[in-house]
């Protein structure tokens, strides 16, 4: 098995909780004992820093929530910046992501957020603290993807995003499952719980008191030339699916629920590329590939000489969350800069 296949298989086993031996349970207890959802980070003065974290190792919907929250705050006239994760990339200590940056330099999440959030600065960095401070120089509200809570000072708001069907994944920490930390520690670090679908899945937890449901749905497709077409444009076409996300099966399930069937599916490891097949004889019998916006950053607009169409997702956030963050931003210190800048590096 290739290294890529090993990573993909390991992720599936963690998600399903297949490691149930004595040694796996012992390591899981060790993970539970020492894992902490609170990260040491000195917060910038005067900025509202909002952390968006997840309960499981990827695939919980954090990044779509960050993207939509940034859009709606920007539409309300709030000054907002985003700090993204740079999985699989070695960025500088802190840098603003620009559209011409290479995915191997800043990561797929940062690049995808940059392209989909025009007018909103996006930052990445090897040092999360430096990236947050750099973002705070550009905006009064800083949204941090994949950060739940900080110490010694708590975030302005900590939001835990969970799946309405399996909010705690397989229910155990690695290697027995995919839970990031013990459930009670995650909840104590959280100010607001954001559940995809229904709140019924979290009725058994007392904390936090703030909890809202949100919705995600597939609504259209984006062509390589940037045009957006309805899902009906897929009718009569032989479709393939390319994924490089942590929960690829969920993408396929959502397509099937809409009556969209794929004849071939290739799933790479999370944040990893998919290699094209060399021989033309091995080319799939598909007219076009479907993929997510984040996967497209690794795959490209054409794969094996076949166009890649991006699935357009709509995220509907609760108004209470938007009002809460917007009100915090209204009282934040108003930063005034003649020129917004970031450190210069060779790739800029």
C-alpha atoms as a PDB file:
ATOM      1  CA  UNK A   1       0.000   0.000   0.000  1.00  0.00           C
ATOM      2  CA  UNK A   2       1.282   3.495  -0.832  1.00  0.00           C
ATOM      3  CA  UNK A   3       1.931   6.087   1.864  1.00  0.00           C
ATOM      4  CA  UNK A   4      -1.103   8.013   0.612  1.00  0.00           C
ATOM      5  CA  UNK A   5      -3.248   4.917   0.828  1.00  0.00           C
ATOM      6  CA  UNK A   6      -1.978   4.196   4.335  1.00  0.00           C
ATOM      7  CA  UNK A   7      -2.974   7.666   5.536  1.00  0.00           C
ATOM      8  CA  UNK A   8      -6.410   7.367   3.983  1.00  0.00           C
ATOM      9  CA  UNK A   9      -6.950   3.901   5.480  1.00  0.00           C
ATOM     10  CA  UNK A  10      -5.789   5.047   8.925  1.00  0.00           C
ATOM     11  CA  UNK A  11      -8.216   7.999   8.859  1.00  0.00           C
ATOM     12  CA  UNK A  12     -11.095   5.670   7.972  1.00  0.00           C
ATOM     13  CA  UNK A  13     -10.185   3.281  10.781  1.00  0.00           C
ATOM     14  CA  UNK A  14     -10.061   6.127  13.321  1.00  0.00           C
ATOM     15  CA  UNK A  15     -13.407   7.479  12.145  1.00  0.00           C
ATOM     16  CA  UNK A  16     -15.019   4.042  12.466  1.00  0.00           C
ATOM     17  CA  UNK A  17     -13.274   3.207  15.758  1.00  0.00           C
ATOM     18  CA  UNK A  18     -11.864  -0.053  14.421  1.00  0.00           C
ATOM     19  CA  UNK A  19      -8.801  -0.157  16.690  1.00  0.00           C
ATOM     20  CA  UNK A  20     -10.223  -1.925  19.733  1.00  0.00           C
ATOM     21  CA  UNK A  21      -7.309  -3.999  21.011  1.00  0.00           C
ATOM     22  CA  UNK A  22      -5.773  -3.695  24.456  1.00  0.00           C
ATOM     23  CA  UNK A  23      -2.818  -1.690  23.181  1.00  0.00           C
ATOM     24  CA  UNK A  24      -5.082   0.733  21.265  1.00  0.00           C
ATOM     25  CA  UNK A  25      -7.218   1.321  24.353  1.00  0.00           C
ATOM     26  CA  UNK A  26      -4.117   1.968  26.444  1.00  0.00           C
ATOM     27  CA  UNK A  27      -2.836   4.568  23.971  1.00  0.00           C
ATOM     28  CA  UNK A  28      -6.291   6.157  23.808  1.00  0.00           C
ATOM     29  CA  UNK A  29      -6.320   6.574  27.592  1.00  0.00           C
ATOM     30  CA  UNK A  30      -2.881   8.182  27.363  1.00  0.00           C
ATOM     31  CA  UNK A  31      -4.200  10.596  24.693  1.00  0.00           C
ATOM     32  CA  UNK A  32      -7.243  11.408  26.880  1.00  0.00           C
ATOM     33  CA  UNK A  33      -5.028  12.141  29.860  1.00  0.00           C
ATOM     34  CA  UNK A  34      -2.663  14.576  28.146  1.00  0.00           C
ATOM     35  CA  UNK A  35      -4.704  16.100  25.308  1.00  0.00           C
ATOM     36  CA  UNK A  36      -5.778  19.692  25.907  1.00  0.00           C
ATOM     37  CA  UNK A  37      -8.061  21.731  23.627  1.00  0.00           C
ATOM     38  CA  UNK A  38      -6.582  24.910  25.165  1.00  0.00           C
ATOM     39  CA  UNK A  39      -3.483  26.271  23.418  1.00  0.00           C
ATOM     40  CA  UNK A  40      -0.948  28.686  24.944  1.00  0.00           C
ATOM     41  CA  UNK A  41      -1.198  31.874  22.867  1.00  0.00           C
ATOM     42  CA  UNK A  42      -0.753  35.552  23.729  1.00  0.00           C
ATOM     43  CA  UNK A  43      -3.713  37.427  22.259  1.00  0.00           C
ATOM     44  CA  UNK A  44      -3.302  40.822  20.556  1.00  0.00           C
ATOM     45  CA  UNK A  45      -4.682  43.762  22.503  1.00  0.00           C
ATOM     46  CA  UNK A  46      -7.718  45.509  21.115  1.00  0.00           C
ATOM     47  CA  UNK A  47      -8.848  42.774  18.706  1.00  0.00           C
ATOM     48  CA  UNK A  48     -11.783  40.404  18.978  1.00  0.00           C
ATOM     49  CA  UNK A  49     -10.354  36.913  18.378  1.00  0.00           C
ATOM     50  CA  UNK A  50     -12.902  34.174  17.665  1.00  0.00           C
ATOM     51  CA  UNK A  51     -11.798  30.541  17.593  1.00  0.00           C
ATOM     52  CA  UNK A  52     -13.633  27.934  15.494  1.00  0.00           C
ATOM     53  CA  UNK A  53     -12.726  24.404  16.550  1.00  0.00           C
ATOM     54  CA  UNK A  54     -13.980  20.888  15.939  1.00  0.00           C
ATOM     55  CA  UNK A  55     -14.548  17.832  18.095  1.00  0.00           C
ATOM     56  CA  UNK A  56     -13.018  15.305  15.687  1.00  0.00           C
ATOM     57  CA  UNK A  57      -9.867  15.026  13.594  1.00  0.00           C
ATOM     58  CA  UNK A  58     -11.127  16.839  10.511  1.00  0.00           C
ATOM     59  CA  UNK A  59     -14.324  16.837   8.512  1.00  0.00           C
ATOM     60  CA  UNK A  60     -16.542  18.617  11.040  1.00  0.00           C
ATOM     61  CA  UNK A  61     -17.306  21.697   8.955  1.00  0.00           C
ATOM     62  CA  UNK A  62     -15.056  24.248  10.680  1.00  0.00           C
ATOM     63  CA  UNK A  63     -13.697  25.872   7.533  1.00  0.00           C
ATOM     64  CA  UNK A  64     -17.100  26.330   5.804  1.00  0.00           C
ATOM     65  CA  UNK A  65     -18.355  27.987   9.002  1.00  0.00           C
ATOM     66  CA  UNK A  66     -15.326  30.297   9.128  1.00  0.00           C
ATOM     67  CA  UNK A  67     -15.820  31.229   5.470  1.00  0.00           C
ATOM     68  CA  UNK A  68     -19.516  32.057   5.821  1.00  0.00           C
ATOM     69  CA  UNK A  69     -19.035  33.893   9.113  1.00  0.00           C
ATOM     70  CA  UNK A  70     -16.330  36.061   7.531  1.00  0.00           C
ATOM     71  CA  UNK A  71     -18.566  36.821   4.535  1.00  0.00           C
ATOM     72  CA  UNK A  72     -21.541  37.872   6.617  1.00  0.00           C
ATOM     73  CA  UNK A  73     -19.493  39.986   9.033  1.00  0.00           C
ATOM     74  CA  UNK A  74     -17.863  41.712   6.057  1.00  0.00           C
ATOM     75  CA  UNK A  75     -21.309  42.341   4.554  1.00  0.00           C
ATOM     76  CA  UNK A  76     -22.330  44.001   7.825  1.00  0.00           C
ATOM     77  CA  UNK A  77     -19.421  46.404   7.504  1.00  0.00           C
ATOM     78  CA  UNK A  78     -17.232  44.784  10.147  1.00  0.00           C
ATOM     79  CA  UNK A  79     -13.450  44.734   9.734  1.00  0.00           C
ATOM     80  CA  UNK A  80     -12.586  41.016   9.662  1.00  0.00           C
ATOM     81  CA  UNK A  81      -9.541  38.847   8.925  1.00  0.00           C
ATOM     82  CA  UNK A  82      -9.074  35.068   8.900  1.00  0.00           C
ATOM     83  CA  UNK A  83      -6.224  32.918  10.192  1.00  0.00           C
ATOM     84  CA  UNK A  84      -6.185  29.526   8.462  1.00  0.00           C
ATOM     85  CA  UNK A  85      -4.272  26.307   9.036  1.00  0.00           C
ATOM     86  CA  UNK A  86      -1.427  25.413   6.693  1.00  0.00           C
ATOM     87  CA  UNK A  87      -1.698  21.616   6.710  1.00  0.00           C
ATOM     88  CA  UNK A  88       0.938  19.975   4.559  1.00  0.00           C
ATOM     89  CA  UNK A  89       2.770  23.236   3.834  1.00  0.00           C
ATOM     90  CA  UNK A  90       5.773  24.977   5.433  1.00  0.00           C
ATOM     91  CA  UNK A  91       4.784  28.678   5.355  1.00  0.00           C
ATOM     92  CA  UNK A  92       6.880  31.489   6.860  1.00  0.00           C
ATOM     93  CA  UNK A  93       6.356  32.358  10.526  1.00  0.00           C
ATOM     94  CA  UNK A  94       3.385  34.505   9.423  1.00  0.00           C
ATOM     95  CA  UNK A  95       2.262  35.746   6.017  1.00  0.00           C
ATOM     96  CA  UNK A  96      -0.831  37.002   4.251  1.00  0.00           C
ATOM     97  CA  UNK A  97      -2.086  34.521   1.656  1.00  0.00           C
ATOM     98  CA  UNK A  98      -2.355  35.891  -1.882  1.00  0.00           C
ATOM     99  CA  UNK A  99      -4.107  34.273  -4.831  1.00  0.00           C
ATOM    100  CA  UNK A 100      -0.842  33.630  -6.696  1.00  0.00           C
ATOM    101  CA  UNK A 101       0.759  31.720  -3.822  1.00  0.00           C
ATOM    102  CA  UNK A 102       1.425  28.018  -4.391  1.00  0.00           C
ATOM    103  CA  UNK A 103      -0.567  25.473  -2.423  1.00  0.00           C
ATOM    104  CA  UNK A 104       2.642  23.769  -1.288  1.00  0.00           C
ATOM    105  CA  UNK A 105       3.705  27.064   0.302  1.00  0.00           C
ATOM    106  CA  UNK A 106       0.576  28.181   2.172  1.00  0.00           C
ATOM    107  CA  UNK A 107      -1.674  25.089   2.220  1.00  0.00           C
ATOM    108  CA  UNK A 108      -4.992  24.310   0.559  1.00  0.00           C
ATOM    109  CA  UNK A 109      -7.258  25.787   3.241  1.00  0.00           C
ATOM    110  CA  UNK A 110      -5.549  29.173   3.296  1.00  0.00           C
ATOM    111  CA  UNK A 111      -5.485  29.389  -0.494  1.00  0.00           C
ATOM    112  CA  UNK A 112      -9.122  28.335  -0.854  1.00  0.00           C
ATOM    113  CA  UNK A 113     -10.233  30.885   1.744  1.00  0.00           C
ATOM    114  CA  UNK A 114      -8.191  33.593   0.036  1.00  0.00           C
ATOM    115  CA  UNK A 115      -9.794  32.931  -3.354  1.00  0.00           C
ATOM    116  CA  UNK A 116     -13.339  32.698  -1.979  1.00  0.00           C
ATOM    117  CA  UNK A 117     -13.139  35.743   0.326  1.00  0.00           C
ATOM    118  CA  UNK A 118     -12.211  38.731  -1.860  1.00  0.00           C
ATOM    119  CA  UNK A 119     -11.577  41.810   0.227  1.00  0.00           C
ATOM    120  CA  UNK A 120     -10.984  39.793   3.413  1.00  0.00           C
ATOM    121  CA  UNK A 121      -7.312  39.178   4.348  1.00  0.00           C
ATOM    122  CA  UNK A 122      -6.331  35.590   5.100  1.00  0.00           C
ATOM    123  CA  UNK A 123      -3.167  34.652   7.009  1.00  0.00           C
ATOM    124  CA  UNK A 124      -1.211  31.484   7.720  1.00  0.00           C
ATOM    125  CA  UNK A 125       1.996  30.807   9.579  1.00  0.00           C
ATOM    126  CA  UNK A 126       4.175  28.266  11.284  1.00  0.00           C
ATOM    127  CA  UNK A 127       3.551  30.359  14.390  1.00  0.00           C
ATOM    128  CA  UNK A 128      -0.178  30.591  15.026  1.00  0.00           C
ATOM    129  CA  UNK A 129       0.456  33.389  17.510  1.00  0.00           C
ATOM    130  CA  UNK A 130       2.352  35.525  14.999  1.00  0.00           C
ATOM    131  CA  UNK A 131      -0.306  34.913  12.342  1.00  0.00           C
ATOM    132  CA  UNK A 132      -3.043  36.049  14.764  1.00  0.00           C
ATOM    133  CA  UNK A 133      -1.100  39.192  15.698  1.00  0.00           C
ATOM    134  CA  UNK A 134      -0.486  40.000  12.037  1.00  0.00           C
ATOM    135  CA  UNK A 135      -4.181  39.564  11.262  1.00  0.00           C
ATOM    136  CA  UNK A 136      -5.089  41.827  14.189  1.00  0.00           C
ATOM    137  CA  UNK A 137      -3.100  44.625  12.571  1.00  0.00           C
ATOM    138  CA  UNK A 138      -5.474  44.479   9.598  1.00  0.00           C
ATOM    139  CA  UNK A 139      -8.858  43.952  11.258  1.00  0.00           C
ATOM    140  CA  UNK A 140     -10.769  44.336  14.489  1.00  0.00           C
ATOM    141  CA  UNK A 141     -12.259  40.825  14.308  1.00  0.00           C
ATOM    142  CA  UNK A 142      -9.961  37.840  13.738  1.00  0.00           C
ATOM    143  CA  UNK A 143     -11.499  34.437  12.958  1.00  0.00           C
ATOM    144  CA  UNK A 144      -9.103  31.555  13.642  1.00  0.00           C
ATOM    145  CA  UNK A 145      -9.793  28.216  11.977  1.00  0.00           C
ATOM    146  CA  UNK A 146      -8.988  25.076  14.010  1.00  0.00           C
ATOM    147  CA  UNK A 147      -8.435  26.866  17.324  1.00  0.00           C
ATOM    148  CA  UNK A 148     -10.872  26.217  20.158  1.00  0.00           C
ATOM    149  CA  UNK A 149      -9.454  28.019  23.183  1.00  0.00           C
ATOM    150  CA  UNK A 150      -6.341  29.846  24.394  1.00  0.00           C
ATOM    151  CA  UNK A 151      -4.516  30.509  27.667  1.00  0.00           C
ATOM    152  CA  UNK A 152      -3.693  32.380  29.813  1.00  0.00           C
ATOM    153  CA  UNK A 153      -6.327  34.720  28.355  1.00  0.00           C
ATOM    154  CA  UNK A 154      -9.482  33.202  26.890  1.00  0.00           C
ATOM    155  CA  UNK A 155     -10.654  34.035  23.396  1.00  0.00           C
ATOM    156  CA  UNK A 156     -13.367  36.619  22.857  1.00  0.00           C
ATOM    157  CA  UNK A 157     -15.524  33.706  21.711  1.00  0.00           C
ATOM    158  CA  UNK A 158     -14.880  29.990  21.332  1.00  0.00           C
ATOM    159  CA  UNK A 159     -17.152  28.068  18.940  1.00  0.00           C
ATOM    160  CA  UNK A 160     -17.166  24.265  18.769  1.00  0.00           C
ATOM    161  CA  UNK A 161     -18.550  22.926  15.463  1.00  0.00           C
ATOM    162  CA  UNK A 162     -19.935  19.381  15.550  1.00  0.00           C
ATOM    163  CA  UNK A 163     -21.794  17.048  13.230  1.00  0.00           C
ATOM    164  CA  UNK A 164     -25.456  16.569  14.120  1.00  0.00           C
ATOM    165  CA  UNK A 165     -25.318  12.825  13.399  1.00  0.00           C
ATOM    166  CA  UNK A 166     -22.043  11.997  15.162  1.00  0.00           C
ATOM    167  CA  UNK A 167     -21.038  15.018  17.276  1.00  0.00           C
ATOM    168  CA  UNK A 168     -18.282  13.108  19.072  1.00  0.00           C
ATOM    169  CA  UNK A 169     -17.119  10.952  16.166  1.00  0.00           C
ATOM    170  CA  UNK A 170     -16.491   7.377  17.165  1.00  0.00           C
ATOM    171  CA  UNK A 171     -16.496   8.407  20.842  1.00  0.00           C
ATOM    172  CA  UNK A 172     -12.872   7.741  21.718  1.00  0.00           C
ATOM    173  CA  UNK A 173      -9.493   9.409  21.324  1.00  0.00           C
ATOM    174  CA  UNK A 174      -6.840   8.059  18.894  1.00  0.00           C
ATOM    175  CA  UNK A 175      -5.946   5.387  18.114  1.00  0.00           C
ATOM    176  CA  UNK A 176      -9.265   3.949  19.315  1.00  0.00           C
ATOM    177  CA  UNK A 177     -11.238   6.765  17.656  1.00  0.00           C
ATOM    178  CA  UNK A 178     -11.118  10.247  16.147  1.00  0.00           C
ATOM    179  CA  UNK A 179     -12.088  12.458  19.101  1.00  0.00           C
ATOM    180  CA  UNK A 180      -9.631  15.344  19.558  1.00  0.00           C
ATOM    181  CA  UNK A 181      -9.880  15.393  23.348  1.00  0.00           C
ATOM    182  CA  UNK A 182     -12.147  14.211  26.112  1.00  0.00           C
ATOM    183  CA  UNK A 183     -15.678  15.481  25.598  1.00  0.00           C
ATOM    184  CA  UNK A 184     -15.839  17.252  28.972  1.00  0.00           C
ATOM    185  CA  UNK A 185     -12.632  19.155  28.230  1.00  0.00           C
ATOM    186  CA  UNK A 186     -13.895  20.221  24.836  1.00  0.00           C
ATOM    187  CA  UNK A 187     -17.145  21.506  26.334  1.00  0.00           C
ATOM    188  CA  UNK A 188     -15.446  23.365  29.199  1.00  0.00           C
ATOM    189  CA  UNK A 189     -13.291  25.204  26.665  1.00  0.00           C
ATOM    190  CA  UNK A 190     -16.324  26.174  24.553  1.00  0.00           C
ATOM    191  CA  UNK A 191     -18.472  29.300  24.730  1.00  0.00           C
ATOM    192  CA  UNK A 192     -20.923  28.335  21.968  1.00  0.00           C
ATOM    193  CA  UNK A 193     -21.860  25.010  20.401  1.00  0.00           C
ATOM    194  CA  UNK A 194     -22.689  25.005  16.687  1.00  0.00           C
ATOM    195  CA  UNK A 195     -24.369  21.810  15.511  1.00  0.00           C
ATOM    196  CA  UNK A 196     -24.944  20.878  11.882  1.00  0.00           C
ATOM    197  CA  UNK A 197     -28.559  19.845  11.411  1.00  0.00           C
ATOM    198  CA  UNK A 198     -30.333  19.417  14.734  1.00  0.00           C
ATOM    199  CA  UNK A 199     -29.601  20.136  18.399  1.00  0.00           C
ATOM    200  CA  UNK A 200     -31.036  16.770  19.441  1.00  0.00           C
ATOM    201  CA  UNK A 201     -27.597  15.172  19.263  1.00  0.00           C
ATOM    202  CA  UNK A 202     -26.293  17.385  22.104  1.00  0.00           C
ATOM    203  CA  UNK A 203     -29.309  17.302  24.424  1.00  0.00           C
ATOM    204  CA  UNK A 204     -27.343  15.187  26.917  1.00  0.00           C
ATOM    205  CA  UNK A 205     -24.670  17.848  27.566  1.00  0.00           C
ATOM    206  CA  UNK A 206     -25.188  20.757  29.968  1.00  0.00           C
ATOM    207  CA  UNK A 207     -22.413  23.037  28.728  1.00  0.00           C
ATOM    208  CA  UNK A 208     -22.210  25.449  27.033  1.00  0.00           C
ATOM    209  CA  UNK A 209     -25.549  27.275  27.422  1.00  0.00           C
ATOM    210  CA  UNK A 210     -25.200  28.931  24.010  1.00  0.00           C
ATOM    211  CA  UNK A 211     -25.981  26.408  21.281  1.00  0.00           C
ATOM    212  CA  UNK A 212     -27.340  26.794  17.790  1.00  0.00           C
ATOM    213  CA  UNK A 213     -27.975  24.672  14.730  1.00  0.00           C
ATOM    214  CA  UNK A 214     -26.691  25.492  11.248  1.00  0.00           C
ATOM    215  CA  UNK A 215     -27.215  23.995   7.813  1.00  0.00           C
ATOM    216  CA  UNK A 216     -24.958  23.011   4.918  1.00  0.00           C
ATOM    217  CA  UNK A 217     -26.310  22.093   1.513  1.00  0.00           C
ATOM    218  CA  UNK A 218     -24.991  21.550  -2.009  1.00  0.00           C
ATOM    219  CA  UNK A 219     -26.681  24.042  -4.309  1.00  0.00           C
ATOM    220  CA  UNK A 220     -24.689  24.429  -7.557  1.00  0.00           C
ATOM    221  CA  UNK A 221     -21.449  23.692  -9.408  1.00  0.00           C
ATOM    222  CA  UNK A 222     -18.669  26.043 -10.495  1.00  0.00           C
ATOM    223  CA  UNK A 223     -17.062  25.455 -13.906  1.00  0.00           C
ATOM    224  CA  UNK A 224     -13.320  25.918 -14.540  1.00  0.00           C
ATOM    225  CA  UNK A 225     -13.996  29.297 -16.189  1.00  0.00           C
ATOM    226  CA  UNK A 226     -15.686  30.582 -13.035  1.00  0.00           C
ATOM    227  CA  UNK A 227     -19.296  30.321 -14.231  1.00  0.00           C
ATOM    228  CA  UNK A 228     -21.796  28.885 -11.763  1.00  0.00           C
ATOM    229  CA  UNK A 229     -24.411  26.424 -13.009  1.00  0.00           C
ATOM    230  CA  UNK A 230     -27.309  24.675 -11.232  1.00  0.00           C
ATOM    231  CA  UNK A 231     -27.015  21.038 -10.245  1.00  0.00           C
ATOM    232  CA  UNK A 232     -29.302  20.216 -13.147  1.00  0.00           C
ATOM    233  CA  UNK A 233     -26.308  20.860 -15.418  1.00  0.00           C
ATOM    234  CA  UNK A 234     -24.965  17.479 -14.284  1.00  0.00           C
ATOM    235  CA  UNK A 235     -27.859  15.561 -15.814  1.00  0.00           C
ATOM    236  CA  UNK A 236     -26.895  13.190 -18.609  1.00  0.00           C
ATOM    237  CA  UNK A 237     -23.165  13.336 -17.809  1.00  0.00           C
ATOM    238  CA  UNK A 238     -20.888  10.573 -16.601  1.00  0.00           C
ATOM    239  CA  UNK A 239     -19.524  11.910 -13.334  1.00  0.00           C
ATOM    240  CA  UNK A 240     -16.402  11.152 -11.344  1.00  0.00           C
ATOM    241  CA  UNK A 241     -15.552  12.344  -7.828  1.00  0.00           C
ATOM    242  CA  UNK A 242     -12.156  13.512  -6.550  1.00  0.00           C
ATOM    243  CA  UNK A 243     -11.693  14.145  -2.820  1.00  0.00           C
ATOM    244  CA  UNK A 244      -8.764  15.029  -0.562  1.00  0.00           C
ATOM    245  CA  UNK A 245     -10.718  15.718   2.624  1.00  0.00           C
ATOM    246  CA  UNK A 246     -10.910  14.003   5.999  1.00  0.00           C
ATOM    247  CA  UNK A 247     -14.471  12.675   5.556  1.00  0.00           C
ATOM    248  CA  UNK A 248     -14.781  11.932   1.823  1.00  0.00           C
ATOM    249  CA  UNK A 249     -17.748   9.595   2.249  1.00  0.00           C
ATOM    250  CA  UNK A 250     -19.856  12.508   3.491  1.00  0.00           C
ATOM    251  CA  UNK A 251     -19.353  14.346   0.205  1.00  0.00           C
ATOM    252  CA  UNK A 252     -20.536  11.326  -1.755  1.00  0.00           C
ATOM    253  CA  UNK A 253     -23.510  10.797   0.569  1.00  0.00           C
ATOM    254  CA  UNK A 254     -24.682  14.384   0.060  1.00  0.00           C
ATOM    255  CA  UNK A 255     -24.449  13.969  -3.706  1.00  0.00           C
ATOM    256  CA  UNK A 256     -26.421  10.717  -3.574  1.00  0.00           C
ATOM    257  CA  UNK A 257     -29.085  12.386  -1.431  1.00  0.00           C
ATOM    258  CA  UNK A 258     -29.568  14.890  -4.266  1.00  0.00           C
ATOM    259  CA  UNK A 259     -29.770  12.130  -6.867  1.00  0.00           C
ATOM    260  CA  UNK A 260     -26.262  12.765  -8.204  1.00  0.00           C
ATOM    261  CA  UNK A 261     -24.473   9.469  -8.894  1.00  0.00           C
ATOM    262  CA  UNK A 262     -20.768   9.083  -9.659  1.00  0.00           C
ATOM    263  CA  UNK A 263     -19.294   6.258 -11.728  1.00  0.00           C
ATOM    264  CA  UNK A 264     -15.765   6.586 -10.350  1.00  0.00           C
ATOM    265  CA  UNK A 265     -14.494   7.888  -7.028  1.00  0.00           C
ATOM    266  CA  UNK A 266     -10.873   8.574  -6.124  1.00  0.00           C
ATOM    267  CA  UNK A 267     -10.143   9.641  -2.558  1.00  0.00           C
ATOM    268  CA  UNK A 268      -6.709  10.875  -1.532  1.00  0.00           C
ATOM    269  CA  UNK A 269      -5.501  11.496   1.986  1.00  0.00           C
ATOM    270  CA  UNK A 270      -6.571  14.728   3.681  1.00  0.00           C
ATOM    271  CA  UNK A 271      -4.603  17.754   2.382  1.00  0.00           C
ATOM    272  CA  UNK A 272      -2.698  15.547  -0.074  1.00  0.00           C
ATOM    273  CA  UNK A 273      -2.607  15.478  -3.895  1.00  0.00           C
ATOM    274  CA  UNK A 274      -4.008  12.718  -6.085  1.00  0.00           C
ATOM    275  CA  UNK A 275      -1.653  11.319  -8.704  1.00  0.00           C
ATOM    276  CA  UNK A 276      -2.859  11.108 -12.273  1.00  0.00           C
ATOM    277  CA  UNK A 277      -2.684   7.767 -14.008  1.00  0.00           C
ATOM    278  CA  UNK A 278       0.027   7.630 -16.624  1.00  0.00           C
ATOM    279  CA  UNK A 279      -1.475   5.475 -19.317  1.00  0.00           C
ATOM    280  CA  UNK A 280      -4.313   6.917 -21.378  1.00  0.00           C
ATOM    281  CA  UNK A 281      -5.769   3.408 -21.512  1.00  0.00           C
ATOM    282  CA  UNK A 282      -6.472   3.766 -17.779  1.00  0.00           C
ATOM    283  CA  UNK A 283      -8.447   6.965 -18.187  1.00  0.00           C
ATOM    284  CA  UNK A 284     -11.861   6.743 -16.540  1.00  0.00           C
ATOM    285  CA  UNK A 285     -15.080   6.720 -18.482  1.00  0.00           C
ATOM    286  CA  UNK A 286     -16.275  10.068 -17.137  1.00  0.00           C
ATOM    287  CA  UNK A 287     -17.174  13.350 -18.805  1.00  0.00           C
ATOM    288  CA  UNK A 288     -16.144  15.514 -15.878  1.00  0.00           C
ATOM    289  CA  UNK A 289     -14.869  15.333 -12.329  1.00  0.00           C
ATOM    290  CA  UNK A 290     -16.625  16.766  -9.292  1.00  0.00           C
ATOM    291  CA  UNK A 291     -14.640  18.050  -6.336  1.00  0.00           C
ATOM    292  CA  UNK A 292     -14.814  20.482  -3.407  1.00  0.00           C
ATOM    293  CA  UNK A 293     -13.288  23.956  -3.489  1.00  0.00           C
ATOM    294  CA  UNK A 294     -10.547  22.941  -1.057  1.00  0.00           C
ATOM    295  CA  UNK A 295      -9.719  19.768  -2.999  1.00  0.00           C
ATOM    296  CA  UNK A 296      -9.485  21.786  -6.218  1.00  0.00           C
ATOM    297  CA  UNK A 297      -6.461  23.628  -4.797  1.00  0.00           C
ATOM    298  CA  UNK A 298      -4.573  20.302  -4.771  1.00  0.00           C
ATOM    299  CA  UNK A 299      -6.124  18.786  -7.898  1.00  0.00           C
ATOM    300  CA  UNK A 300      -6.314  21.732 -10.295  1.00  0.00           C
ATOM    301  CA  UNK A 301      -8.972  22.716 -12.833  1.00  0.00           C
ATOM    302  CA  UNK A 302      -8.173  19.799 -15.135  1.00  0.00           C
ATOM    303  CA  UNK A 303      -7.365  16.260 -14.036  1.00  0.00           C
ATOM    304  CA  UNK A 304      -6.226  13.642 -16.564  1.00  0.00           C
ATOM    305  CA  UNK A 305      -7.300  16.016 -19.328  1.00  0.00           C
ATOM    306  CA  UNK A 306     -10.870  16.067 -17.958  1.00  0.00           C
ATOM    307  CA  UNK A 307     -12.362  19.280 -16.496  1.00  0.00           C
ATOM    308  CA  UNK A 308     -12.943  19.565 -12.764  1.00  0.00           C
ATOM    309  CA  UNK A 309     -16.214  21.145 -11.614  1.00  0.00           C
ATOM    310  CA  UNK A 310     -16.387  22.421  -8.043  1.00  0.00           C
ATOM    311  CA  UNK A 311     -19.381  21.682  -5.837  1.00  0.00           C
ATOM    312  CA  UNK A 312     -20.814  24.934  -4.478  1.00  0.00           C
ATOM    313  CA  UNK A 313     -21.976  24.659  -0.885  1.00  0.00           C
ATOM    314  CA  UNK A 314     -24.353  26.980   0.954  1.00  0.00           C
ATOM    315  CA  UNK A 315     -23.915  27.442   4.703  1.00  0.00           C
ATOM    316  CA  UNK A 316     -26.752  28.992   6.716  1.00  0.00           C
ATOM    317  CA  UNK A 317     -25.561  30.320  10.077  1.00  0.00           C
ATOM    318  CA  UNK A 318     -27.842  31.299  12.968  1.00  0.00           C
ATOM    319  CA  UNK A 319     -28.503  35.003  13.284  1.00  0.00           C
ATOM    320  CA  UNK A 320     -27.735  34.847  17.014  1.00  0.00           C
ATOM    321  CA  UNK A 321     -24.127  33.864  16.305  1.00  0.00           C
ATOM    322  CA  UNK A 322     -23.727  36.605  13.694  1.00  0.00           C
ATOM    323  CA  UNK A 323     -25.201  39.206  16.038  1.00  0.00           C
ATOM    324  CA  UNK A 324     -22.965  38.106  18.901  1.00  0.00           C
ATOM    325  CA  UNK A 325     -19.722  38.330  16.930  1.00  0.00           C
ATOM    326  CA  UNK A 326     -20.807  41.532  15.197  1.00  0.00           C
ATOM    327  CA  UNK A 327     -21.580  43.218  18.513  1.00  0.00           C
ATOM    328  CA  UNK A 328     -18.206  42.227  19.899  1.00  0.00           C
ATOM    329  CA  UNK A 329     -16.570  43.716  16.817  1.00  0.00           C
ATOM    330  CA  UNK A 330     -18.515  46.942  17.219  1.00  0.00           C
ATOM    331  CA  UNK A 331     -16.819  47.683  20.538  1.00  0.00           C
ATOM    332  CA  UNK A 332     -13.362  46.526  19.454  1.00  0.00           C
ATOM    333  CA  UNK A 333     -10.626  49.098  19.036  1.00  0.00           C
ATOM    334  CA  UNK A 334     -10.811  50.754  15.629  1.00  0.00           C
ATOM    335  CA  UNK A 335      -7.470  50.152  13.935  1.00  0.00           C
ATOM    336  CA  UNK A 336      -6.398  52.778  11.425  1.00  0.00           C
ATOM    337  CA  UNK A 337      -3.653  51.926   8.928  1.00  0.00           C
ATOM    338  CA  UNK A 338      -2.470  53.894   5.943  1.00  0.00           C
ATOM    339  CA  UNK A 339      -1.154  50.717   4.324  1.00  0.00           C
ATOM    340  CA  UNK A 340      -1.967  47.120   5.282  1.00  0.00           C
ATOM    341  CA  UNK A 341       1.110  45.000   4.778  1.00  0.00           C
ATOM    342  CA  UNK A 342       2.684  41.676   5.623  1.00  0.00           C
ATOM    343  CA  UNK A 343       6.292  40.463   5.634  1.00  0.00           C
ATOM    344  CA  UNK A 344       7.755  39.968   2.172  1.00  0.00           C
ATOM    345  CA  UNK A 345       9.107  36.562   1.121  1.00  0.00           C
ATOM    346  CA  UNK A 346      10.438  35.074  -2.077  1.00  0.00           C
ATOM    347  CA  UNK A 347       7.134  33.565  -3.114  1.00  0.00           C
ATOM    348  CA  UNK A 348       5.261  36.875  -3.074  1.00  0.00           C
END
